[in-house]
N, C-alpha and C. Protein backbone atom coordinates (compact mmCIF):
# COMPACT_ATOMS: atom_id res chain seq x y z
N MET A 1 -0.40 7.15 -14.48
CA MET A 1 1.07 5.98 -14.34
C MET A 1 1.89 7.01 -13.70
N PRO A 2 2.53 6.38 -12.47
CA PRO A 2 3.37 7.38 -12.02
C PRO A 2 4.65 8.37 -13.08
N ASN A 3 5.42 9.22 -12.83
CA ASN A 3 6.46 10.06 -13.01
C ASN A 3 7.70 9.32 -12.50
N SER A 4 8.79 9.91 -13.29
CA SER A 4 9.60 9.48 -12.79
C SER A 4 10.15 9.45 -11.52
N ASN A 5 9.85 10.83 -10.73
CA ASN A 5 10.31 11.09 -9.58
C ASN A 5 9.40 10.53 -8.50
N SER A 6 7.95 10.04 -8.80
CA SER A 6 7.22 10.15 -8.16
C SER A 6 6.81 9.14 -6.79
N ARG A 7 6.60 9.22 -5.72
CA ARG A 7 6.97 8.58 -4.76
C ARG A 7 5.84 8.60 -4.05
N ARG A 8 4.56 9.03 -3.80
CA ARG A 8 3.36 9.38 -2.88
C ARG A 8 2.57 8.01 -2.63
N LEU A 9 2.79 7.85 -1.27
CA LEU A 9 2.39 6.76 -0.84
C LEU A 9 1.19 6.83 0.26
N LEU A 10 0.31 5.93 0.41
CA LEU A 10 -0.70 6.19 1.16
C LEU A 10 -0.55 4.88 2.00
N LEU A 11 -0.46 5.20 3.27
CA LEU A 11 -0.16 4.01 4.28
C LEU A 11 -1.39 4.15 5.32
N VAL A 12 -2.07 2.96 5.01
CA VAL A 12 -3.14 2.67 5.67
C VAL A 12 -2.93 1.21 6.86
N GLY A 13 -3.10 1.71 7.96
CA GLY A 13 -2.76 0.79 9.53
C GLY A 13 -3.07 1.76 10.72
N ASP A 14 -2.44 0.88 11.84
CA ASP A 14 -2.81 0.96 13.18
C ASP A 14 -1.45 2.58 13.61
N ASP A 15 -1.64 3.15 14.81
CA ASP A 15 -0.51 3.99 15.30
C ASP A 15 0.99 3.62 14.98
N ARG A 16 0.76 2.32 15.76
CA ARG A 16 2.44 2.15 15.73
C ARG A 16 2.88 2.25 13.86
N ILE A 17 2.14 1.48 13.14
CA ILE A 17 2.41 1.15 11.73
C ILE A 17 2.86 2.79 11.33
N ARG A 18 2.00 3.32 11.47
CA ARG A 18 2.02 4.74 10.38
C ARG A 18 3.32 5.39 11.06
N ARG A 19 3.14 5.24 12.48
CA ARG A 19 4.62 6.21 13.48
C ARG A 19 5.78 5.72 12.82
N GLU A 20 6.14 4.38 12.73
CA GLU A 20 7.27 3.49 12.63
C GLU A 20 7.52 3.59 10.96
N LEU A 21 6.55 2.76 10.74
CA LEU A 21 7.18 2.70 8.96
C LEU A 21 6.74 4.20 8.45
N GLY A 22 6.02 4.65 8.88
CA GLY A 22 5.64 5.78 8.08
C GLY A 22 7.40 6.70 8.20
N LEU A 23 7.83 6.71 9.38
CA LEU A 23 8.87 7.64 9.82
C LEU A 23 10.12 6.74 8.59
N ILE A 24 10.34 5.66 8.60
CA ILE A 24 11.17 4.86 7.69
C ILE A 24 10.90 5.07 6.29
N LEU A 25 9.80 5.46 5.99
CA LEU A 25 9.59 5.48 4.72
C LEU A 25 9.79 6.89 4.08
N ARG A 26 9.76 7.73 5.17
CA ARG A 26 10.13 9.08 4.98
C ARG A 26 11.37 9.26 4.50
N GLU A 27 12.22 8.53 5.51
CA GLU A 27 13.85 8.53 5.56
C GLU A 27 14.38 8.08 3.82
N ARG A 28 13.24 7.12 3.77
CA ARG A 28 13.91 6.66 2.13
C ARG A 28 13.04 7.18 0.72
N GLY A 29 12.85 8.33 1.08
CA GLY A 29 12.36 9.55 -0.17
C GLY A 29 10.86 9.62 -0.43
N PHE A 30 10.01 8.55 0.37
CA PHE A 30 8.59 8.70 0.11
C PHE A 30 7.76 9.66 0.55
N ASP A 31 6.88 10.08 -0.33
CA ASP A 31 5.89 11.36 0.55
C ASP A 31 4.90 10.44 1.51
N VAL A 32 5.01 10.35 2.32
CA VAL A 32 3.80 9.64 2.97
C VAL A 32 2.76 10.15 3.76
N THR A 33 1.81 10.20 3.15
CA THR A 33 0.53 10.17 3.68
C THR A 33 -0.10 9.14 4.74
N GLY A 34 -0.26 9.32 6.00
CA GLY A 34 -0.89 8.01 6.78
C GLY A 34 -2.35 8.43 7.44
N VAL A 35 -2.84 7.56 7.13
CA VAL A 35 -4.39 7.35 7.90
C VAL A 35 -4.83 6.02 8.51
N ALA A 36 -5.67 6.20 9.51
CA ALA A 36 -5.87 5.40 10.65
C ALA A 36 -7.33 4.18 10.22
N SER A 37 -8.07 4.79 9.13
CA SER A 37 -9.28 4.03 8.85
C SER A 37 -9.42 3.95 7.54
N VAL A 38 -10.37 2.69 6.98
CA VAL A 38 -11.13 2.58 5.70
C VAL A 38 -11.69 3.97 5.39
N PRO A 39 -12.83 4.80 5.90
CA PRO A 39 -13.39 5.87 5.29
C PRO A 39 -12.15 6.88 5.37
N GLU A 40 -10.96 7.40 6.09
CA GLU A 40 -10.26 8.17 5.75
C GLU A 40 -9.12 7.60 4.70
N ALA A 41 -8.94 6.34 4.33
CA ALA A 41 -8.21 6.13 3.21
C ALA A 41 -9.28 6.27 1.97
N LEU A 42 -10.29 5.89 1.92
CA LEU A 42 -11.09 6.04 0.60
C LEU A 42 -11.21 7.94 0.32
N ASP A 43 -11.59 8.64 1.24
CA ASP A 43 -11.55 10.03 0.96
C ASP A 43 -10.13 10.60 0.42
N LYS A 44 -8.91 9.97 1.02
CA LYS A 44 -7.94 10.56 0.63
C LYS A 44 -7.73 9.98 -0.98
N THR A 45 -8.08 8.79 -1.18
CA THR A 45 -7.91 7.94 -2.55
C THR A 45 -9.07 9.02 -3.45
N ARG A 46 -9.67 9.60 -3.39
CA ARG A 46 -10.70 10.71 -4.06
C ARG A 46 -10.28 11.89 -4.06
N THR A 47 -9.20 12.30 -3.39
CA THR A 47 -8.68 13.69 -3.38
C THR A 47 -7.15 13.65 -3.64
N HIS A 48 -6.35 12.85 -3.41
CA HIS A 48 -4.88 12.81 -3.75
C HIS A 48 -4.61 11.84 -4.97
N ASN A 49 -3.70 11.88 -5.34
CA ASN A 49 -2.93 11.01 -6.70
C ASN A 49 -1.63 10.21 -6.06
N PHE A 50 -1.78 8.80 -5.53
CA PHE A 50 -1.00 8.00 -4.95
C PHE A 50 -0.18 7.21 -6.13
N ASP A 51 0.97 6.71 -5.88
CA ASP A 51 1.64 5.61 -6.58
C ASP A 51 1.71 4.62 -5.87
N VAL A 52 1.68 4.72 -4.90
CA VAL A 52 1.50 3.37 -3.83
C VAL A 52 0.63 3.32 -2.70
N VAL A 53 -0.43 2.19 -2.53
CA VAL A 53 -1.04 2.00 -1.21
C VAL A 53 -0.35 0.69 -0.70
N LEU A 54 -0.30 0.96 0.64
CA LEU A 54 0.86 0.18 1.69
C LEU A 54 -0.38 -0.30 2.68
N ALA A 55 -1.48 -1.07 2.80
CA ALA A 55 -2.29 -1.39 3.78
C ALA A 55 -2.37 -2.64 4.86
N ASP A 56 -2.57 -2.29 5.97
CA ASP A 56 -2.38 -3.19 6.74
C ASP A 56 -4.05 -3.86 6.23
N LEU A 57 -3.82 -5.41 5.85
CA LEU A 57 -5.08 -6.03 5.88
C LEU A 57 -6.39 -6.32 6.86
N ASN A 58 -5.97 -6.20 7.85
CA ASN A 58 -7.15 -6.16 8.70
C ASN A 58 -7.30 -4.48 9.68
N ILE A 59 -7.57 -3.50 9.09
CA ILE A 59 -7.61 -2.33 9.90
C ILE A 59 -8.35 -2.31 11.24
N HIS A 60 -9.61 -2.62 10.53
CA HIS A 60 -10.45 -2.26 11.98
C HIS A 60 -11.14 -3.48 11.87
N GLY A 61 -11.46 -4.39 10.75
CA GLY A 61 -12.26 -5.15 10.52
C GLY A 61 -11.50 -6.45 9.42
N PRO A 62 -12.07 -7.63 9.14
CA PRO A 62 -11.60 -8.86 8.58
C PRO A 62 -11.45 -8.15 6.96
N HIS A 63 -10.21 -8.15 6.31
CA HIS A 63 -10.08 -7.76 4.92
C HIS A 63 -10.19 -6.56 4.54
N ASP A 64 -10.44 -5.30 5.72
CA ASP A 64 -10.73 -3.95 4.90
C ASP A 64 -9.56 -3.76 4.30
N GLY A 65 -8.42 -4.07 4.17
CA GLY A 65 -7.53 -3.05 3.63
C GLY A 65 -7.78 -3.85 2.14
N TYR A 66 -8.31 -4.83 1.33
CA TYR A 66 -8.40 -4.67 0.21
C TYR A 66 -10.05 -3.86 -0.03
N ILE A 67 -10.77 -3.16 0.80
CA ILE A 67 -11.52 -2.55 0.49
C ILE A 67 -10.79 -0.90 0.09
N VAL A 68 -9.66 -0.78 0.53
CA VAL A 68 -8.55 0.14 0.17
C VAL A 68 -8.22 -0.20 -1.27
N VAL A 69 -7.61 -1.12 -1.44
CA VAL A 69 -6.84 -1.65 -2.51
C VAL A 69 -7.73 -1.73 -3.84
N ARG A 70 -9.16 -1.97 -3.63
CA ARG A 70 -10.17 -2.15 -4.61
C ARG A 70 -10.36 -0.45 -5.06
N ALA A 71 -10.55 0.08 -4.49
CA ALA A 71 -10.89 1.78 -4.27
C ALA A 71 -10.02 2.29 -5.18
N MET A 72 -8.69 2.32 -4.84
CA MET A 72 -7.33 2.86 -5.12
C MET A 72 -7.18 2.08 -6.69
N ARG A 73 -7.83 0.70 -6.78
CA ARG A 73 -7.23 0.12 -8.44
C ARG A 73 -8.46 0.96 -9.65
N ASN A 74 -9.58 1.04 -8.62
CA ASN A 74 -10.79 1.67 -9.50
C ASN A 74 -10.07 3.14 -10.20
N ILE A 75 -9.66 4.12 -8.98
CA ILE A 75 -9.37 5.32 -9.42
C ILE A 75 -7.70 5.57 -10.25
N ASN A 76 -6.93 4.43 -10.08
CA ASN A 76 -5.31 4.33 -10.27
C ASN A 76 -5.45 3.06 -10.44
N PRO A 77 -5.16 2.90 -11.67
CA PRO A 77 -5.04 0.97 -12.10
C PRO A 77 -3.76 0.58 -11.80
N HIS A 78 -2.82 2.21 -12.12
CA HIS A 78 -1.67 1.74 -12.24
C HIS A 78 -0.73 2.05 -10.82
N CYS A 79 -1.23 2.03 -9.59
CA CYS A 79 -0.77 2.26 -8.21
C CYS A 79 -0.30 0.97 -7.72
N VAL A 80 1.24 0.85 -7.30
CA VAL A 80 1.09 -0.18 -6.59
C VAL A 80 0.80 -0.52 -5.31
N ALA A 81 -0.02 -2.03 -5.07
CA ALA A 81 -0.72 -2.44 -3.73
C ALA A 81 0.35 -2.99 -3.00
N ILE A 82 0.62 -2.94 -1.97
CA ILE A 82 0.84 -3.62 -1.26
C ILE A 82 0.19 -3.83 0.27
N ILE A 83 -0.36 -5.16 0.60
CA ILE A 83 -0.54 -5.50 2.03
C ILE A 83 0.16 -6.32 2.78
N LEU A 84 -0.20 -5.45 4.16
CA LEU A 84 0.40 -6.25 5.67
C LEU A 84 -0.35 -7.06 5.87
N THR A 85 0.03 -7.82 6.64
CA THR A 85 -0.81 -8.99 7.71
C THR A 85 0.28 -9.53 8.86
N GLY A 86 -0.65 -9.83 9.80
CA GLY A 86 -0.24 -10.40 10.90
C GLY A 86 -0.63 -11.68 10.86
N TYR A 87 -1.41 -12.13 10.35
CA TYR A 87 -2.15 -13.65 9.95
C TYR A 87 -2.57 -13.87 8.85
N PRO A 88 -1.53 -14.28 7.73
CA PRO A 88 -1.27 -14.97 6.40
C PRO A 88 -2.18 -16.33 6.37
N ASN A 89 -2.75 -16.55 5.65
CA ASN A 89 -3.43 -17.70 5.18
C ASN A 89 -4.07 -17.63 3.56
N LEU A 90 -4.06 -19.04 2.85
CA LEU A 90 -4.51 -18.95 1.81
C LEU A 90 -5.38 -18.29 1.02
N VAL A 91 -6.62 -18.07 1.93
CA VAL A 91 -7.70 -17.26 1.63
C VAL A 91 -7.35 -15.74 1.39
N ASN A 92 -6.83 -15.07 2.31
CA ASN A 92 -6.29 -13.88 2.20
C ASN A 92 -5.22 -13.95 0.94
N ALA A 93 -4.14 -14.08 0.76
CA ALA A 93 -3.39 -14.70 -0.60
C ALA A 93 -4.65 -14.85 -1.48
N SER A 94 -4.96 -15.50 -1.93
CA SER A 94 -5.59 -15.58 -2.71
C SER A 94 -6.75 -14.68 -3.11
N GLU A 95 -7.55 -13.98 -2.06
CA GLU A 95 -8.30 -12.66 -2.63
C GLU A 95 -7.16 -11.62 -3.15
N GLY A 96 -6.02 -11.25 -2.64
CA GLY A 96 -4.80 -10.49 -2.72
C GLY A 96 -4.63 -10.50 -4.52
N VAL A 97 -4.63 -11.78 -4.73
CA VAL A 97 -3.90 -12.15 -6.10
C VAL A 97 -5.29 -11.94 -7.16
N ARG A 98 -6.39 -12.43 -6.37
CA ARG A 98 -7.76 -11.76 -7.59
C ARG A 98 -7.78 -10.21 -7.66
N LEU A 99 -7.08 -9.43 -7.06
CA LEU A 99 -7.33 -7.40 -6.65
C LEU A 99 -5.95 -7.13 -7.89
N GLY A 100 -5.14 -7.97 -7.82
CA GLY A 100 -4.03 -7.75 -8.54
C GLY A 100 -2.88 -6.80 -7.38
N ILE A 101 -2.84 -7.39 -6.10
CA ILE A 101 -2.04 -7.20 -5.19
C ILE A 101 -0.52 -7.51 -5.55
N ASP A 102 0.30 -6.11 -5.55
CA ASP A 102 1.82 -6.57 -5.98
C ASP A 102 2.74 -7.23 -5.35
N GLU A 103 2.38 -6.85 -3.90
CA GLU A 103 3.07 -7.97 -2.73
C GLU A 103 2.01 -7.82 -1.49
N TYR A 104 2.31 -8.99 -0.83
CA TYR A 104 1.62 -9.74 0.39
C TYR A 104 2.80 -9.83 1.53
N PHE A 105 2.94 -8.98 2.43
CA PHE A 105 4.35 -8.89 3.24
C PHE A 105 3.50 -9.48 4.50
N VAL A 106 3.97 -10.37 5.34
CA VAL A 106 3.84 -10.62 6.94
C VAL A 106 4.34 -9.75 7.87
N LYS A 107 3.78 -9.28 8.46
CA LYS A 107 4.14 -8.38 9.96
C LYS A 107 5.34 -9.35 10.78
N PRO A 108 6.02 -8.97 11.29
CA PRO A 108 6.28 -7.70 10.99
C PRO A 108 7.62 -7.94 9.88
N ALA A 109 6.84 -7.05 8.78
CA ALA A 109 7.83 -6.86 7.50
C ALA A 109 9.32 -6.45 7.53
N ASP A 110 9.84 -7.43 7.02
CA ASP A 110 11.68 -6.59 6.62
C ASP A 110 11.69 -5.29 5.79
N VAL A 111 11.64 -4.31 6.43
CA VAL A 111 11.23 -3.07 5.64
C VAL A 111 12.75 -2.78 4.23
N ALA A 112 13.76 -3.17 4.43
CA ALA A 112 14.73 -3.33 3.46
C ALA A 112 13.61 -4.07 1.87
N SER A 113 13.40 -5.08 2.42
CA SER A 113 12.55 -6.14 1.51
C SER A 113 11.38 -5.07 0.70
N LEU A 114 10.50 -4.64 2.03
CA LEU A 114 9.82 -3.72 1.11
C LEU A 114 9.79 -2.65 0.71
N VAL A 115 10.72 -1.96 0.77
CA VAL A 115 11.30 -0.71 0.29
C VAL A 115 11.36 -1.35 -1.01
N ALA A 116 12.42 -2.01 -1.16
CA ALA A 116 13.30 -2.78 -2.59
C ALA A 116 12.07 -2.98 -3.54
N ARG A 117 10.74 -3.77 -2.69
CA ARG A 117 10.08 -4.51 -3.80
C ARG A 117 8.86 -2.91 -4.15
N MET A 118 8.71 -2.05 -3.25
CA MET A 118 7.80 -0.94 -4.02
C MET A 118 8.68 -0.27 -5.08
N GLU A 119 10.30 0.20 -4.79
CA GLU A 119 10.60 0.63 -6.16
C GLU A 119 10.77 -0.27 -7.46
N GLU A 120 10.86 -1.68 -6.82
CA GLU A 120 10.79 -1.97 -8.16
C GLU A 120 9.39 -2.14 -8.94
N LYS A 121 8.57 -2.15 -8.02
CA LYS A 121 7.24 -2.24 -8.83
C LYS A 121 6.69 -0.83 -9.71
N LEU A 122 7.17 0.24 -8.87
CA LEU A 122 7.51 1.66 -9.24
C LEU A 122 8.20 1.84 -10.63
N ALA A 123 9.40 1.27 -10.59
CA ALA A 123 10.13 1.56 -11.84
C ALA A 123 9.40 0.91 -12.80
N GLU A 124 8.91 -0.34 -12.63
CA GLU A 124 8.21 -0.98 -13.36
C GLU A 124 7.00 -0.66 -14.58
N ARG A 125 6.40 0.12 -13.45
CA ARG A 125 5.30 0.81 -14.28
C ARG A 125 5.89 2.61 -14.97
N ARG A 126 6.74 2.70 -14.51
CA ARG A 126 7.49 3.85 -14.83
C ARG A 126 7.65 3.58 -16.87
N ILE A 127 8.28 2.29 -16.65
CA ILE A 127 8.57 1.91 -18.34
C ILE A 127 7.83 1.10 -19.19
N SER A 128 6.65 0.66 -18.33
CA SER A 128 5.35 0.06 -19.46
C SER A 128 4.77 1.04 -19.89
N PRO A 129 3.95 0.65 -21.04
CA PRO A 129 3.06 1.81 -21.68
C PRO A 129 2.08 1.64 -21.09
């Protein structure tokens, strides 16, 4: 479970997402580790302790962001999991609910709302037993 100051974030997505969103999240106080692929993300989940995973739904293939979330949930069930997608639909959203995704944002996501939701979820995990 995250400690009170913990804001370690795994950002999984293309170059633009990692560069632009990563910069903004760092400015907002997150310790961001950005990766471009599912294998890189899986490696990081095994070797680092993250408080938040923020993954593009379709990194290099359909629904592969969910692979990252499943792996993270197995290692750290308290990690906040947020999915970004450019192609929202009911099937994707249903799968996200089944996996216990904390939020599902449509790209381009409103950064203020995204950060607020991450902070809210982190705070909930800090006070939960």
